[in-house]
Structures are given as C-alpha cells and as structure tokens.
Amino acid sequence: MVLVYEHDPLDTEDARGRFYHVCQGRVLRNELTVPSPETPFECPDCGIDLETEDFWVARQRGSV
C-alpha cells in the first residue's frame, strides 16, 4: 500500500475524499492533492514517485 484514500460520509454537504501517503509502513496524515501529469509527487523520505494515475487507482480501490 502506497496511497490511502478516505472519503467522508455522503450525508454532509462538503463530502469529499482525502489522499494520504503510506511511507515506510506509516500513514503520513498530511493530505495530498492530485499532482499534475507533468510533475508527480515525490516523497523526500522513501523516494517513491506518485503519479496522477496512482491517485485515481487509489480512489477506485480505497487504497493502493
């Protein structure tokens, strides 16, 4: 698992989802935004590159 996608209950007006990176076995609780296709997110600690497609897959599955 590299990304976690958590969604709010759909019964609120501002329901949305949030992405979090799992770095070296720990969920980092600083929310990530979906990066542009030209500039993937690179974790400074583990060095993994997360591209736009990774975020969409995480959204479909709940986590990747």
N, C-alpha and C. Protein backbone atom coordinates (compact mmCIF):
# COMPACT_ATOMS: atom_id res chain seq x y z
N MET A 1 0.84 -1.17 0.00
CA MET A 1 0.00 0.00 0.00
C MET A 1 0.90 1.24 0.00
N VAL A 2 0.62 2.15 -0.91
CA VAL A 2 1.41 3.37 -1.04
C VAL A 2 0.54 4.60 -0.80
N LEU A 3 -0.72 4.52 -1.22
CA LEU A 3 -1.67 5.61 -1.02
C LEU A 3 -2.91 5.09 -0.30
N VAL A 4 -3.47 5.93 0.54
CA VAL A 4 -4.73 5.62 1.20
C VAL A 4 -5.71 6.70 0.79
N TYR A 5 -6.92 6.28 0.42
CA TYR A 5 -7.99 7.21 0.09
C TYR A 5 -9.09 7.02 1.10
N GLU A 6 -9.42 8.09 1.81
CA GLU A 6 -10.50 8.05 2.79
C GLU A 6 -11.56 9.04 2.34
N HIS A 7 -12.81 8.62 2.40
CA HIS A 7 -13.88 9.53 2.00
C HIS A 7 -14.78 9.85 3.18
N ASP A 8 -15.36 11.04 3.13
CA ASP A 8 -16.29 11.49 4.15
C ASP A 8 -17.64 10.81 3.94
N PRO A 9 -18.45 10.74 4.97
CA PRO A 9 -19.81 10.23 4.78
C PRO A 9 -20.55 11.11 3.77
N LEU A 10 -21.35 10.50 2.94
CA LEU A 10 -22.03 11.24 1.88
C LEU A 10 -23.22 12.05 2.38
N ASP A 11 -23.49 12.01 3.65
CA ASP A 11 -24.63 12.75 4.17
C ASP A 11 -24.31 14.19 4.56
N THR A 12 -23.11 14.65 4.27
CA THR A 12 -22.75 16.04 4.56
C THR A 12 -22.60 16.82 3.26
N GLU A 13 -22.77 18.13 3.36
CA GLU A 13 -22.69 18.98 2.17
C GLU A 13 -21.29 18.98 1.55
N ASP A 14 -20.28 18.96 2.38
CA ASP A 14 -18.91 19.07 1.89
C ASP A 14 -18.20 17.72 1.84
N ALA A 15 -18.94 16.66 1.54
CA ALA A 15 -18.35 15.32 1.46
C ALA A 15 -17.33 15.27 0.34
N ARG A 16 -16.16 14.75 0.65
CA ARG A 16 -15.10 14.59 -0.34
C ARG A 16 -14.13 13.54 0.18
N GLY A 17 -13.14 13.25 -0.61
CA GLY A 17 -12.15 12.27 -0.21
C GLY A 17 -10.80 12.92 0.04
N ARG A 18 -9.96 12.19 0.74
CA ARG A 18 -8.61 12.67 1.05
C ARG A 18 -7.60 11.57 0.75
N PHE A 19 -6.45 11.98 0.24
CA PHE A 19 -5.37 11.05 -0.06
C PHE A 19 -4.26 11.24 0.96
N TYR A 20 -3.71 10.10 1.41
CA TYR A 20 -2.58 10.11 2.32
C TYR A 20 -1.54 9.11 1.81
N HIS A 21 -0.28 9.44 2.01
CA HIS A 21 0.83 8.59 1.58
C HIS A 21 1.23 7.67 2.73
N VAL A 22 1.47 6.41 2.40
CA VAL A 22 1.99 5.45 3.37
C VAL A 22 3.49 5.34 3.11
N CYS A 23 4.27 5.87 4.04
CA CYS A 23 5.73 5.93 3.87
C CYS A 23 6.39 5.03 4.91
N GLN A 24 7.07 4.02 4.44
CA GLN A 24 7.81 3.10 5.29
C GLN A 24 6.92 2.53 6.40
N GLY A 25 5.69 2.15 6.01
CA GLY A 25 4.78 1.50 6.93
C GLY A 25 3.95 2.42 7.80
N ARG A 26 4.13 3.73 7.66
CA ARG A 26 3.36 4.69 8.46
C ARG A 26 2.50 5.55 7.54
N VAL A 27 1.26 5.79 7.93
CA VAL A 27 0.39 6.69 7.18
C VAL A 27 0.73 8.11 7.60
N LEU A 28 1.21 8.90 6.63
CA LEU A 28 1.51 10.30 6.90
C LEU A 28 0.21 11.08 6.79
N ARG A 29 -0.20 11.73 7.85
CA ARG A 29 -1.51 12.37 7.91
C ARG A 29 -1.55 13.77 7.32
N ASN A 30 -0.56 14.16 6.52
CA ASN A 30 -0.68 15.41 5.78
C ASN A 30 -1.32 15.08 4.43
N GLU A 31 -2.45 15.72 4.17
CA GLU A 31 -3.26 15.42 2.99
C GLU A 31 -2.53 15.78 1.71
N LEU A 32 -2.63 14.89 0.73
CA LEU A 32 -2.01 15.12 -0.58
C LEU A 32 -3.08 15.54 -1.58
N THR A 33 -2.69 16.38 -2.52
CA THR A 33 -3.57 16.72 -3.62
C THR A 33 -3.09 15.94 -4.84
N VAL A 34 -3.98 15.74 -5.79
CA VAL A 34 -3.62 15.00 -7.00
C VAL A 34 -2.64 15.86 -7.81
N PRO A 35 -1.46 15.33 -8.10
CA PRO A 35 -0.46 16.12 -8.83
C PRO A 35 -0.82 16.22 -10.31
N SER A 36 -0.25 17.21 -10.96
CA SER A 36 -0.45 17.33 -12.41
C SER A 36 0.33 16.22 -13.10
N PRO A 37 -0.09 15.85 -14.31
CA PRO A 37 0.61 14.77 -15.02
C PRO A 37 2.09 15.06 -15.29
N GLU A 38 2.45 16.32 -15.37
CA GLU A 38 3.85 16.67 -15.67
C GLU A 38 4.77 16.60 -14.45
N THR A 39 4.21 16.75 -13.26
CA THR A 39 5.04 16.78 -12.06
C THR A 39 4.48 15.84 -11.00
N PRO A 40 4.94 14.60 -10.97
CA PRO A 40 4.46 13.65 -9.96
C PRO A 40 4.93 14.05 -8.56
N PHE A 41 4.23 13.55 -7.55
CA PHE A 41 4.63 13.77 -6.17
C PHE A 41 5.78 12.84 -5.85
N GLU A 42 6.86 13.36 -5.30
CA GLU A 42 7.99 12.53 -4.89
C GLU A 42 8.18 12.66 -3.39
N CYS A 43 8.14 11.53 -2.71
CA CYS A 43 8.32 11.52 -1.26
C CYS A 43 9.79 11.75 -0.94
N PRO A 44 10.11 12.75 -0.11
CA PRO A 44 11.51 13.00 0.23
C PRO A 44 12.12 11.92 1.12
N ASP A 45 11.28 11.15 1.82
CA ASP A 45 11.80 10.13 2.74
C ASP A 45 12.08 8.80 2.05
N CYS A 46 11.08 8.29 1.28
CA CYS A 46 11.26 6.96 0.68
C CYS A 46 11.61 7.04 -0.81
N GLY A 47 11.43 8.22 -1.42
CA GLY A 47 11.84 8.40 -2.81
C GLY A 47 10.85 7.90 -3.85
N ILE A 48 9.67 7.45 -3.45
CA ILE A 48 8.70 6.94 -4.41
C ILE A 48 8.05 8.09 -5.18
N ASP A 49 7.79 7.88 -6.45
CA ASP A 49 7.07 8.84 -7.27
C ASP A 49 5.62 8.40 -7.39
N LEU A 50 4.69 9.29 -7.06
CA LEU A 50 3.27 9.02 -7.18
C LEU A 50 2.71 9.89 -8.29
N GLU A 51 2.21 9.24 -9.33
CA GLU A 51 1.69 9.95 -10.49
C GLU A 51 0.18 10.08 -10.39
N THR A 52 -0.39 10.90 -11.26
CA THR A 52 -1.83 11.15 -11.27
C THR A 52 -2.62 9.85 -11.33
N GLU A 53 -2.18 8.92 -12.15
CA GLU A 53 -2.88 7.63 -12.31
C GLU A 53 -2.94 6.87 -10.99
N ASP A 54 -1.88 6.94 -10.19
CA ASP A 54 -1.86 6.26 -8.89
C ASP A 54 -2.97 6.78 -7.97
N PHE A 55 -3.25 8.07 -8.03
CA PHE A 55 -4.29 8.66 -7.21
C PHE A 55 -5.66 8.19 -7.65
N TRP A 56 -5.88 8.08 -8.97
CA TRP A 56 -7.18 7.62 -9.47
C TRP A 56 -7.41 6.14 -9.12
N VAL A 57 -6.37 5.34 -9.19
CA VAL A 57 -6.50 3.93 -8.82
C VAL A 57 -6.79 3.82 -7.32
N ALA A 58 -6.13 4.61 -6.51
CA ALA A 58 -6.38 4.60 -5.06
C ALA A 58 -7.82 5.02 -4.77
N ARG A 59 -8.33 5.95 -5.52
CA ARG A 59 -9.70 6.42 -5.31
C ARG A 59 -10.70 5.31 -5.64
N GLN A 60 -10.42 4.54 -6.68
CA GLN A 60 -11.33 3.45 -7.07
C GLN A 60 -11.30 2.31 -6.06
N ARG A 61 -10.13 2.01 -5.55
CA ARG A 61 -9.96 0.85 -4.66
C ARG A 61 -10.09 1.22 -3.18
N GLY A 62 -9.86 2.47 -2.85
CA GLY A 62 -9.84 2.87 -1.45
C GLY A 62 -8.41 3.01 -0.94
N SER A 63 -7.51 2.22 -1.49
CA SER A 63 -6.09 2.32 -1.19
C SER A 63 -5.31 1.55 -2.24
N VAL A 64 -4.04 1.90 -2.39
CA VAL A 64 -3.16 1.22 -3.36
C VAL A 64 -1.88 0.87 -2.65
